[in-house]
Amino acid sequence: MSIPEEIDFEVDVDDLTPLVESTKQLGPPSLVVDDLYITYRVFGGKRVGNGSGTPPNLLKRVLSRGRAHVGGLTQVEAVQGISFVARHGESIGIVGTNGSGKSTLMRAIAGLIPPTKGSVYVAGDPSLLGVNAVLMGSLTGERNIMIGALALGLSPDEVREKFDDIVEFSGIGDAVYLPMKAYSSGMSARLRFAISAAAVPDVLMIDEALATGDAAFRRKSKDRIDAIRDQAGTVFLVSHSLATVESICSRTLWINRGKLVMDGPSAEVCAAYKAFVKAQDGKP
């Protein structure tokens, strides 16, 4: 099993400042995940081969078009019995290989996916920021800033007051007046983060949204995350970059195949996860 694209252990390590542990005591629980299960049900299964050992002729292919999928039900257990408690003022990293259930867990916490079993309790309103978050491509960045910030609970006057700061933080300049569909993935990701960081959500979940920024943007993002945490918010960071996780998060959850493998200090969990990935990849 080779997964070299899964993780970047050495991403701009020199550009990431070490995490300085806060002496401020953590607040009361902001999030409780209790024995959470998320199961997807996939209907239909794709037929493999035609059963005869010989390729079907053109007529059979035409007649069978539209019937490539046959009946059946497949269940995918994306999250299996995960439990943990997060507190106000805490920053928590989430690591795991692709398909381990990290993003599904974040979507469940955000209330976008109903639990199959178990419960999620959130004190306040969670905000999910991810590279796959959908903005309106036909609208300008300016209009998306207004829509996104209003969705986070800011008033129109507050959005107008923060507009210049959002644009400056994102670094997209005059492109803010162009349709979003003209943006690169990096520009879109930076604007998404800037919009989300304009408010101070009770629980901010960042799903790989820092991966497309340069070193300067990551430093600004880290400062903003620290400010949210200092204002008693809770921050979750999903990332394949262990250097980024260790520089931002004091605690890390390692998820594998939908299960919580380890929950503890970031340095310890990231070291164990790094050893696991290297062993899976057959490296010494």
C-alpha atoms as a PDB file:
ATOM      1  CA  MET A   1       0.000   0.000   0.000  1.00  0.00           C
ATOM      2  CA  SER A   2       1.733   3.137  -1.212  1.00  0.00           C
ATOM      3  CA  ILE A   3       0.279   6.505  -0.268  1.00  0.00           C
ATOM      4  CA  PRO A   4       3.034   9.066  -0.778  1.00  0.00           C
ATOM      5  CA  GLU A   5       0.517  11.766  -1.702  1.00  0.00           C
ATOM      6  CA  GLU A   6      -1.358  11.283   1.566  1.00  0.00           C
ATOM      7  CA  ILE A   7       0.887  13.259   3.844  1.00  0.00           C
ATOM      8  CA  ASP A   8       3.556  15.914   3.845  1.00  0.00           C
ATOM      9  CA  PHE A   9       5.674  15.561   6.957  1.00  0.00           C
ATOM     10  CA  GLU A  10       8.072  18.348   6.045  1.00  0.00           C
ATOM     11  CA  VAL A  11       5.822  21.096   4.689  1.00  0.00           C
ATOM     12  CA  ASP A  12       7.533  24.443   5.324  1.00  0.00           C
ATOM     13  CA  VAL A  13       8.699  23.397   8.793  1.00  0.00           C
ATOM     14  CA  ASP A  14      11.036  26.391   8.993  1.00  0.00           C
ATOM     15  CA  ASP A  15       8.118  28.729   8.297  1.00  0.00           C
ATOM     16  CA  LEU A  16       5.963  27.351  11.102  1.00  0.00           C
ATOM     17  CA  THR A  17       6.550  28.705  14.574  1.00  0.00           C
ATOM     18  CA  PRO A  18       6.419  26.171  17.399  1.00  0.00           C
ATOM     19  CA  LEU A  19       3.211  26.061  19.395  1.00  0.00           C
ATOM     20  CA  VAL A  20       3.447  28.052  22.592  1.00  0.00           C
ATOM     21  CA  GLU A  21       1.262  26.407  25.202  1.00  0.00           C
ATOM     22  CA  SER A  22      -1.226  28.854  26.692  1.00  0.00           C
ATOM     23  CA  THR A  23      -1.281  29.190  30.443  1.00  0.00           C
ATOM     24  CA  LYS A  24      -4.946  30.119  30.236  1.00  0.00           C
ATOM     25  CA  GLN A  25      -7.202  27.423  31.650  1.00  0.00           C
ATOM     26  CA  LEU A  26      -9.634  25.754  29.274  1.00  0.00           C
ATOM     27  CA  GLY A  27     -13.298  26.568  29.636  1.00  0.00           C
ATOM     28  CA  PRO A  28     -16.285  24.250  29.958  1.00  0.00           C
ATOM     29  CA  PRO A  29     -17.106  21.686  27.256  1.00  0.00           C
ATOM     30  CA  SER A  30     -18.023  23.209  23.903  1.00  0.00           C
ATOM     31  CA  LEU A  31     -18.579  19.898  22.127  1.00  0.00           C
ATOM     32  CA  VAL A  32     -19.446  16.360  23.193  1.00  0.00           C
ATOM     33  CA  VAL A  33     -19.351  13.514  20.676  1.00  0.00           C
ATOM     34  CA  ASP A  34     -20.955  10.451  22.253  1.00  0.00           C
ATOM     35  CA  ASP A  35     -20.540   7.014  20.610  1.00  0.00           C
ATOM     36  CA  LEU A  36     -21.058   8.477  17.138  1.00  0.00           C
ATOM     37  CA  TYR A  37     -21.749   6.242  14.147  1.00  0.00           C
ATOM     38  CA  ILE A  38     -22.245   7.488  10.573  1.00  0.00           C
ATOM     39  CA  THR A  39     -23.258   4.866   8.010  1.00  0.00           C
ATOM     40  CA  TYR A  40     -23.774   5.608   4.334  1.00  0.00           C
ATOM     41  CA  ARG A  41     -26.109   3.394   2.323  1.00  0.00           C
ATOM     42  CA  VAL A  42     -25.174   3.014  -1.344  1.00  0.00           C
ATOM     43  CA  PHE A  43     -27.793   1.462  -3.598  1.00  0.00           C
ATOM     44  CA  GLY A  44     -26.801  -0.559  -6.643  1.00  0.00           C
ATOM     45  CA  GLY A  45     -23.556  -2.229  -7.603  1.00  0.00           C
ATOM     46  CA  LYS A  46     -21.598  -1.981 -10.797  1.00  0.00           C
ATOM     47  CA  ARG A  47     -21.425  -5.149 -12.858  1.00  0.00           C
ATOM     48  CA  VAL A  48     -17.871  -6.319 -13.546  1.00  0.00           C
ATOM     49  CA  GLY A  49     -17.472  -8.304 -16.785  1.00  0.00           C
ATOM     50  CA  ASN A  50     -20.225  -9.965 -18.853  1.00  0.00           C
ATOM     51  CA  GLY A  51     -19.839 -13.445 -17.374  1.00  0.00           C
ATOM     52  CA  SER A  52     -18.885 -15.165 -20.629  1.00  0.00           C
ATOM     53  CA  GLY A  53     -15.183 -14.401 -20.643  1.00  0.00           C
ATOM     54  CA  THR A  54     -15.473 -12.683 -24.023  1.00  0.00           C
ATOM     55  CA  PRO A  55     -16.169  -9.024 -24.720  1.00  0.00           C
ATOM     56  CA  PRO A  56     -19.801  -8.292 -25.685  1.00  0.00           C
ATOM     57  CA  ASN A  57     -20.393  -7.227 -29.252  1.00  0.00           C
ATOM     58  CA  LEU A  58     -21.580  -3.759 -30.207  1.00  0.00           C
ATOM     59  CA  LEU A  59     -25.283  -4.713 -30.268  1.00  0.00           C
ATOM     60  CA  LYS A  60     -25.165  -6.166 -26.749  1.00  0.00           C
ATOM     61  CA  ARG A  61     -23.344  -3.108 -25.475  1.00  0.00           C
ATOM     62  CA  VAL A  62     -26.018  -0.819 -26.955  1.00  0.00           C
ATOM     63  CA  LEU A  63     -28.883  -2.921 -25.579  1.00  0.00           C
ATOM     64  CA  SER A  64     -27.335  -3.126 -22.121  1.00  0.00           C
ATOM     65  CA  ARG A  65     -26.570   0.599 -21.920  1.00  0.00           C
ATOM     66  CA  GLY A  66     -28.164   2.055 -18.805  1.00  0.00           C
ATOM     67  CA  ARG A  67     -28.116  -1.323 -17.037  1.00  0.00           C
ATOM     68  CA  ALA A  68     -24.495  -1.268 -15.897  1.00  0.00           C
ATOM     69  CA  HIS A  69     -25.631  -0.992 -12.307  1.00  0.00           C
ATOM     70  CA  VAL A  70     -27.488  -3.880 -10.710  1.00  0.00           C
ATOM     71  CA  GLY A  71     -29.507  -4.087  -7.519  1.00  0.00           C
ATOM     72  CA  GLY A  72     -28.072  -4.368  -4.044  1.00  0.00           C
ATOM     73  CA  LEU A  73     -27.279  -2.329  -0.970  1.00  0.00           C
ATOM     74  CA  THR A  74     -23.789  -1.504   0.252  1.00  0.00           C
ATOM     75  CA  GLN A  75     -23.237   0.019   3.671  1.00  0.00           C
ATOM     76  CA  VAL A  76     -20.171   2.154   4.302  1.00  0.00           C
ATOM     77  CA  GLU A  77     -19.387   2.658   7.990  1.00  0.00           C
ATOM     78  CA  ALA A  78     -17.594   6.004   7.757  1.00  0.00           C
ATOM     79  CA  VAL A  79     -17.554   6.725  11.509  1.00  0.00           C
ATOM     80  CA  GLN A  80     -17.655   3.950  14.088  1.00  0.00           C
ATOM     81  CA  GLY A  81     -18.227   4.636  17.772  1.00  0.00           C
ATOM     82  CA  ILE A  82     -16.187   7.828  18.165  1.00  0.00           C
ATOM     83  CA  SER A  83     -16.431   9.646  21.512  1.00  0.00           C
ATOM     84  CA  PHE A  84     -14.554  12.692  22.834  1.00  0.00           C
ATOM     85  CA  VAL A  85     -15.076  16.012  24.605  1.00  0.00           C
ATOM     86  CA  ALA A  86     -13.689  19.379  23.418  1.00  0.00           C
ATOM     87  CA  ARG A  87     -13.488  22.501  25.566  1.00  0.00           C
ATOM     88  CA  HIS A  88     -13.660  26.227  24.984  1.00  0.00           C
ATOM     89  CA  GLY A  89     -10.208  27.621  24.196  1.00  0.00           C
ATOM     90  CA  GLU A  90      -8.895  24.325  22.801  1.00  0.00           C
ATOM     91  CA  SER A  91      -7.298  23.700  19.398  1.00  0.00           C
ATOM     92  CA  ILE A  92      -7.547  20.097  18.189  1.00  0.00           C
ATOM     93  CA  GLY A  93      -5.938  18.524  15.141  1.00  0.00           C
ATOM     94  CA  ILE A  94      -7.453  15.556  13.314  1.00  0.00           C
ATOM     95  CA  VAL A  95      -5.179  13.265  11.303  1.00  0.00           C
ATOM     96  CA  GLY A  96      -5.713  10.084   9.309  1.00  0.00           C
ATOM     97  CA  THR A  97      -5.232   8.762   5.814  1.00  0.00           C
ATOM     98  CA  ASN A  98      -7.704   9.530   3.031  1.00  0.00           C
ATOM     99  CA  GLY A  99     -11.039   7.824   3.575  1.00  0.00           C
ATOM    100  CA  SER A 100     -10.554   7.471   7.321  1.00  0.00           C
ATOM    101  CA  GLY A 101     -13.683   9.480   8.172  1.00  0.00           C
ATOM    102  CA  LYS A 102     -12.178  12.848   9.155  1.00  0.00           C
ATOM    103  CA  SER A 103     -14.336  15.018   6.911  1.00  0.00           C
ATOM    104  CA  THR A 104     -17.447  12.952   7.665  1.00  0.00           C
ATOM    105  CA  LEU A 105     -16.885  13.563  11.377  1.00  0.00           C
ATOM    106  CA  MET A 106     -16.577  17.321  10.792  1.00  0.00           C
ATOM    107  CA  ARG A 107     -19.766  17.381   8.719  1.00  0.00           C
ATOM    108  CA  ALA A 108     -21.622  15.524  11.457  1.00  0.00           C
ATOM    109  CA  ILE A 109     -20.418  18.033  14.070  1.00  0.00           C
ATOM    110  CA  ALA A 110     -21.568  20.865  11.793  1.00  0.00           C
ATOM    111  CA  GLY A 111     -25.028  19.281  11.630  1.00  0.00           C
ATOM    112  CA  LEU A 112     -24.799  18.508   7.913  1.00  0.00           C
ATOM    113  CA  ILE A 113     -25.055  14.724   8.390  1.00  0.00           C
ATOM    114  CA  PRO A 114     -27.479  13.102  10.868  1.00  0.00           C
ATOM    115  CA  PRO A 115     -25.948  10.464  13.163  1.00  0.00           C
ATOM    116  CA  THR A 116     -26.837   6.865  12.400  1.00  0.00           C
ATOM    117  CA  LYS A 117     -26.294   6.180  16.084  1.00  0.00           C
ATOM    118  CA  GLY A 118     -24.999   8.214  19.008  1.00  0.00           C
ATOM    119  CA  SER A 119     -25.173  11.960  19.605  1.00  0.00           C
ATOM    120  CA  VAL A 120     -23.357  15.247  19.021  1.00  0.00           C
ATOM    121  CA  TYR A 121     -23.850  18.104  21.485  1.00  0.00           C
ATOM    122  CA  VAL A 122     -22.509  21.549  20.542  1.00  0.00           C
ATOM    123  CA  ALA A 123     -22.558  24.673  22.735  1.00  0.00           C
ATOM    124  CA  GLY A 124     -23.115  27.401  20.171  1.00  0.00           C
ATOM    125  CA  ASP A 125     -23.010  27.479  16.396  1.00  0.00           C
ATOM    126  CA  PRO A 126     -20.316  25.462  14.583  1.00  0.00           C
ATOM    127  CA  SER A 127     -18.719  26.799  11.399  1.00  0.00           C
ATOM    128  CA  LEU A 128     -17.228  24.371   8.874  1.00  0.00           C
ATOM    129  CA  LEU A 129     -14.559  25.677   6.517  1.00  0.00           C
ATOM    130  CA  GLY A 130     -13.219  23.296   3.878  1.00  0.00           C
ATOM    131  CA  VAL A 131     -11.536  23.321   0.497  1.00  0.00           C
ATOM    132  CA  ASN A 132     -14.683  21.705  -0.909  1.00  0.00           C
ATOM    133  CA  ALA A 133     -17.025  24.286   0.595  1.00  0.00           C
ATOM    134  CA  VAL A 134     -19.264  25.537  -2.183  1.00  0.00           C
ATOM    135  CA  LEU A 135     -19.258  29.230  -2.996  1.00  0.00           C
ATOM    136  CA  MET A 136     -21.317  30.660  -5.836  1.00  0.00           C
ATOM    137  CA  GLY A 137     -19.013  30.623  -8.822  1.00  0.00           C
ATOM    138  CA  SER A 138     -21.216  32.878 -10.922  1.00  0.00           C
ATOM    139  CA  LEU A 139     -21.075  35.630  -8.285  1.00  0.00           C
ATOM    140  CA  THR A 140     -18.139  37.904  -7.550  1.00  0.00           C
ATOM    141  CA  GLY A 141     -15.930  37.479  -4.540  1.00  0.00           C
ATOM    142  CA  GLU A 142     -17.510  40.683  -3.213  1.00  0.00           C
ATOM    143  CA  ARG A 143     -21.003  39.159  -3.264  1.00  0.00           C
ATOM    144  CA  ASN A 144     -19.729  35.890  -1.786  1.00  0.00           C
ATOM    145  CA  ILE A 145     -18.153  37.794   1.096  1.00  0.00           C
ATOM    146  CA  MET A 146     -21.520  39.376   1.877  1.00  0.00           C
ATOM    147  CA  ILE A 147     -23.427  36.085   1.599  1.00  0.00           C
ATOM    148  CA  GLY A 148     -20.871  34.057   3.545  1.00  0.00           C
ATOM    149  CA  ALA A 149     -20.476  36.604   6.340  1.00  0.00           C
ATOM    150  CA  LEU A 150     -24.243  37.016   6.710  1.00  0.00           C
ATOM    151  CA  ALA A 151     -24.515  33.231   7.013  1.00  0.00           C
ATOM    152  CA  LEU A 152     -22.009  33.404   9.893  1.00  0.00           C
ATOM    153  CA  GLY A 153     -24.292  35.807  11.738  1.00  0.00           C
ATOM    154  CA  LEU A 154     -22.717  39.179  10.914  1.00  0.00           C
ATOM    155  CA  SER A 155     -24.993  42.093  10.137  1.00  0.00           C
ATOM    156  CA  PRO A 156     -24.768  43.896   6.765  1.00  0.00           C
ATOM    157  CA  ASP A 157     -23.081  46.854   8.491  1.00  0.00           C
ATOM    158  CA  GLU A 158     -20.536  44.523  10.143  1.00  0.00           C
ATOM    159  CA  VAL A 159     -19.778  42.894   6.788  1.00  0.00           C
ATOM    160  CA  ARG A 160     -19.170  46.277   5.154  1.00  0.00           C
ATOM    161  CA  GLU A 161     -16.951  47.268   8.087  1.00  0.00           C
ATOM    162  CA  LYS A 162     -14.876  44.095   7.784  1.00  0.00           C
ATOM    163  CA  PHE A 163     -14.845  43.929   3.972  1.00  0.00           C
ATOM    164  CA  ASP A 164     -11.428  45.533   3.424  1.00  0.00           C
ATOM    165  CA  ASP A 165      -9.857  43.381   6.141  1.00  0.00           C
ATOM    166  CA  ILE A 166     -11.304  40.215   4.560  1.00  0.00           C
ATOM    167  CA  VAL A 167      -9.919  41.114   1.139  1.00  0.00           C
ATOM    168  CA  GLU A 168      -6.517  42.048   2.560  1.00  0.00           C
ATOM    169  CA  PHE A 169      -6.335  38.834   4.585  1.00  0.00           C
ATOM    170  CA  SER A 170      -7.194  36.694   1.549  1.00  0.00           C
ATOM    171  CA  GLY A 171      -4.619  38.457  -0.621  1.00  0.00           C
ATOM    172  CA  ILE A 172      -6.790  38.305  -3.758  1.00  0.00           C
ATOM    173  CA  GLY A 173      -6.729  42.077  -4.368  1.00  0.00           C
ATOM    174  CA  ASP A 174      -8.932  43.448  -7.154  1.00  0.00           C
ATOM    175  CA  ALA A 175      -9.914  39.896  -8.127  1.00  0.00           C
ATOM    176  CA  VAL A 176     -12.583  40.242  -5.448  1.00  0.00           C
ATOM    177  CA  TYR A 177     -14.682  41.983  -8.116  1.00  0.00           C
ATOM    178  CA  LEU A 178     -14.378  39.058 -10.550  1.00  0.00           C
ATOM    179  CA  PRO A 179     -16.659  35.983 -10.612  1.00  0.00           C
ATOM    180  CA  MET A 180     -15.477  33.215  -8.279  1.00  0.00           C
ATOM    181  CA  LYS A 181     -15.309  30.773 -11.200  1.00  0.00           C
ATOM    182  CA  ALA A 182     -12.314  32.758 -12.465  1.00  0.00           C
ATOM    183  CA  TYR A 183     -10.340  32.081  -9.252  1.00  0.00           C
ATOM    184  CA  SER A 184      -7.663  29.484  -8.796  1.00  0.00           C
ATOM    185  CA  SER A 185      -8.225  26.848  -6.094  1.00  0.00           C
ATOM    186  CA  GLY A 186      -5.724  28.660  -3.884  1.00  0.00           C
ATOM    187  CA  MET A 187      -7.503  32.001  -4.221  1.00  0.00           C
ATOM    188  CA  SER A 188     -10.848  30.363  -3.446  1.00  0.00           C
ATOM    189  CA  ALA A 189      -9.477  28.593  -0.381  1.00  0.00           C
ATOM    190  CA  ARG A 190      -7.880  31.784   0.965  1.00  0.00           C
ATOM    191  CA  LEU A 191     -11.094  33.739   0.508  1.00  0.00           C
ATOM    192  CA  ARG A 192     -13.111  31.003   2.236  1.00  0.00           C
ATOM    193  CA  PHE A 193     -10.803  31.148   5.224  1.00  0.00           C
ATOM    194  CA  ALA A 194     -10.862  34.946   5.318  1.00  0.00           C
ATOM    195  CA  ILE A 195     -14.674  34.980   5.286  1.00  0.00           C
ATOM    196  CA  SER A 196     -14.930  32.351   7.999  1.00  0.00           C
ATOM    197  CA  ALA A 197     -12.324  34.070  10.161  1.00  0.00           C
ATOM    198  CA  ALA A 198     -14.189  37.382   9.961  1.00  0.00           C
ATOM    199  CA  ALA A 199     -16.458  36.187  12.749  1.00  0.00           C
ATOM    200  CA  VAL A 200     -15.530  34.432  15.970  1.00  0.00           C
ATOM    201  CA  PRO A 201     -17.482  31.173  15.840  1.00  0.00           C
ATOM    202  CA  ASP A 202     -17.972  29.042  18.938  1.00  0.00           C
ATOM    203  CA  VAL A 203     -16.566  26.035  17.078  1.00  0.00           C
ATOM    204  CA  LEU A 204     -14.478  26.551  13.924  1.00  0.00           C
ATOM    205  CA  MET A 205     -13.676  23.459  11.836  1.00  0.00           C
ATOM    206  CA  ILE A 206     -11.007  23.818   9.153  1.00  0.00           C
ATOM    207  CA  ASP A 207     -10.875  20.937   6.671  1.00  0.00           C
ATOM    208  CA  GLU A 208      -7.626  21.114   4.644  1.00  0.00           C
ATOM    209  CA  ALA A 209      -8.283  24.771   3.831  1.00  0.00           C
ATOM    210  CA  LEU A 210      -4.736  25.852   4.740  1.00  0.00           C
ATOM    211  CA  ALA A 211      -3.031  23.451   2.357  1.00  0.00           C
ATOM    212  CA  THR A 212      -3.269  25.759  -0.646  1.00  0.00           C
ATOM    213  CA  GLY A 213      -1.843  28.865   1.023  1.00  0.00           C
ATOM    214  CA  ASP A 214       1.788  29.944   0.963  1.00  0.00           C
ATOM    215  CA  ALA A 215       3.952  30.278   4.079  1.00  0.00           C
ATOM    216  CA  ALA A 216       2.897  33.886   4.715  1.00  0.00           C
ATOM    217  CA  PHE A 217      -0.786  32.996   4.495  1.00  0.00           C
ATOM    218  CA  ARG A 218      -0.312  30.023   6.835  1.00  0.00           C
ATOM    219  CA  ARG A 219       1.350  32.298   9.393  1.00  0.00           C
ATOM    220  CA  LYS A 220      -1.552  34.754   9.194  1.00  0.00           C
ATOM    221  CA  SER A 221      -4.014  31.866   9.470  1.00  0.00           C
ATOM    222  CA  LYS A 222      -2.239  30.512  12.534  1.00  0.00           C
ATOM    223  CA  ASP A 223      -2.386  33.934  14.194  1.00  0.00           C
ATOM    224  CA  ARG A 224      -6.097  34.150  13.445  1.00  0.00           C
ATOM    225  CA  ILE A 225      -6.732  30.669  14.821  1.00  0.00           C
ATOM    226  CA  ASP A 226      -4.825  31.592  17.977  1.00  0.00           C
ATOM    227  CA  ALA A 227      -7.000  34.710  18.339  1.00  0.00           C
ATOM    228  CA  ILE A 228     -10.199  32.659  18.004  1.00  0.00           C
ATOM    229  CA  ARG A 229      -8.928  30.190  20.572  1.00  0.00           C
ATOM    230  CA  ASP A 230      -7.927  32.994  22.941  1.00  0.00           C
ATOM    231  CA  GLN A 231     -11.488  34.326  22.735  1.00  0.00           C
ATOM    232  CA  ALA A 232     -12.723  30.995  24.119  1.00  0.00           C
ATOM    233  CA  GLY A 233     -13.541  29.455  20.760  1.00  0.00           C
ATOM    234  CA  THR A 234     -12.779  25.831  19.875  1.00  0.00           C
ATOM    235  CA  VAL A 235     -10.805  25.103  16.703  1.00  0.00           C
ATOM    236  CA  PHE A 236     -10.559  21.804  14.824  1.00  0.00           C
ATOM    237  CA  LEU A 237      -7.940  21.442  12.089  1.00  0.00           C
ATOM    238  CA  VAL A 238      -8.067  18.547   9.622  1.00  0.00           C
ATOM    239  CA  SER A 239      -4.748  18.320   7.808  1.00  0.00           C
ATOM    240  CA  HIS A 240      -2.263  15.893   6.252  1.00  0.00           C
ATOM    241  CA  SER A 241       0.565  18.221   7.269  1.00  0.00           C
ATOM    242  CA  LEU A 242       1.810  17.067  10.655  1.00  0.00           C
ATOM    243  CA  ALA A 243       4.046  20.140  10.910  1.00  0.00           C
ATOM    244  CA  THR A 244       1.007  22.387  10.573  1.00  0.00           C
ATOM    245  CA  VAL A 245      -0.980  20.371  13.115  1.00  0.00           C
ATOM    246  CA  GLU A 246       1.831  20.433  15.674  1.00  0.00           C
ATOM    247  CA  SER A 247       2.373  24.178  15.227  1.00  0.00           C
ATOM    248  CA  ILE A 248      -1.303  25.031  15.738  1.00  0.00           C
ATOM    249  CA  CYS A 249      -2.906  22.314  17.872  1.00  0.00           C
ATOM    250  CA  SER A 250      -2.104  21.244  21.419  1.00  0.00           C
ATOM    251  CA  ARG A 251      -4.213  18.089  21.090  1.00  0.00           C
ATOM    252  CA  THR A 252      -4.737  15.697  18.179  1.00  0.00           C
ATOM    253  CA  LEU A 253      -7.200  12.931  17.317  1.00  0.00           C
ATOM    254  CA  TRP A 254      -6.011  10.115  15.034  1.00  0.00           C
ATOM    255  CA  ILE A 255      -8.816   8.438  13.096  1.00  0.00           C
ATOM    256  CA  ASN A 256      -8.373   5.269  11.064  1.00  0.00           C
ATOM    257  CA  ARG A 257     -11.134   3.466   9.169  1.00  0.00           C
ATOM    258  CA  GLY A 258     -13.769   5.406  11.040  1.00  0.00           C
ATOM    259  CA  LYS A 259     -12.433   4.639  14.510  1.00  0.00           C
ATOM    260  CA  LEU A 260     -10.620   6.815  17.028  1.00  0.00           C
ATOM    261  CA  VAL A 261      -7.173   5.253  17.390  1.00  0.00           C
ATOM    262  CA  MET A 262      -5.499   7.810  19.638  1.00  0.00           C
ATOM    263  CA  ASP A 263      -6.362  11.048  21.455  1.00  0.00           C
ATOM    264  CA  GLY A 264      -3.622  13.014  23.199  1.00  0.00           C
ATOM    265  CA  PRO A 265      -0.888  15.667  22.942  1.00  0.00           C
ATOM    266  CA  SER A 266      -0.151  16.535  19.325  1.00  0.00           C
ATOM    267  CA  ALA A 267       3.544  15.618  19.451  1.00  0.00           C
ATOM    268  CA  GLU A 268       2.780  12.094  20.713  1.00  0.00           C
ATOM    269  CA  VAL A 269      -0.155  11.411  18.399  1.00  0.00           C
ATOM    270  CA  CYS A 270       1.595  12.798  15.304  1.00  0.00           C
ATOM    271  CA  ALA A 271       4.707  10.716  16.030  1.00  0.00           C
ATOM    272  CA  ALA A 272       2.622   7.539  16.338  1.00  0.00           C
ATOM    273  CA  TYR A 273       0.659   8.345  13.187  1.00  0.00           C
ATOM    274  CA  LYS A 274       3.818   9.128  11.234  1.00  0.00           C
ATOM    275  CA  ALA A 275       5.286   5.750  12.231  1.00  0.00           C
ATOM    276  CA  PHE A 276       2.044   4.029  11.180  1.00  0.00           C
ATOM    277  CA  VAL A 277       1.983   5.657   7.740  1.00  0.00           C
ATOM    278  CA  LYS A 278       5.652   4.838   7.102  1.00  0.00           C
ATOM    279  CA  ALA A 279       5.059   1.216   8.131  1.00  0.00           C
ATOM    280  CA  GLN A 280       2.080   0.987   5.766  1.00  0.00           C
ATOM    281  CA  ASP A 281       4.207   2.422   2.995  1.00  0.00           C
ATOM    282  CA  GLY A 282       6.937  -0.141   3.664  1.00  0.00           C
ATOM    283  CA  LYS A 283       9.550   2.437   4.622  1.00  0.00           C
ATOM    284  CA  PRO A 284      12.141   1.779   7.362  1.00  0.00           C
END
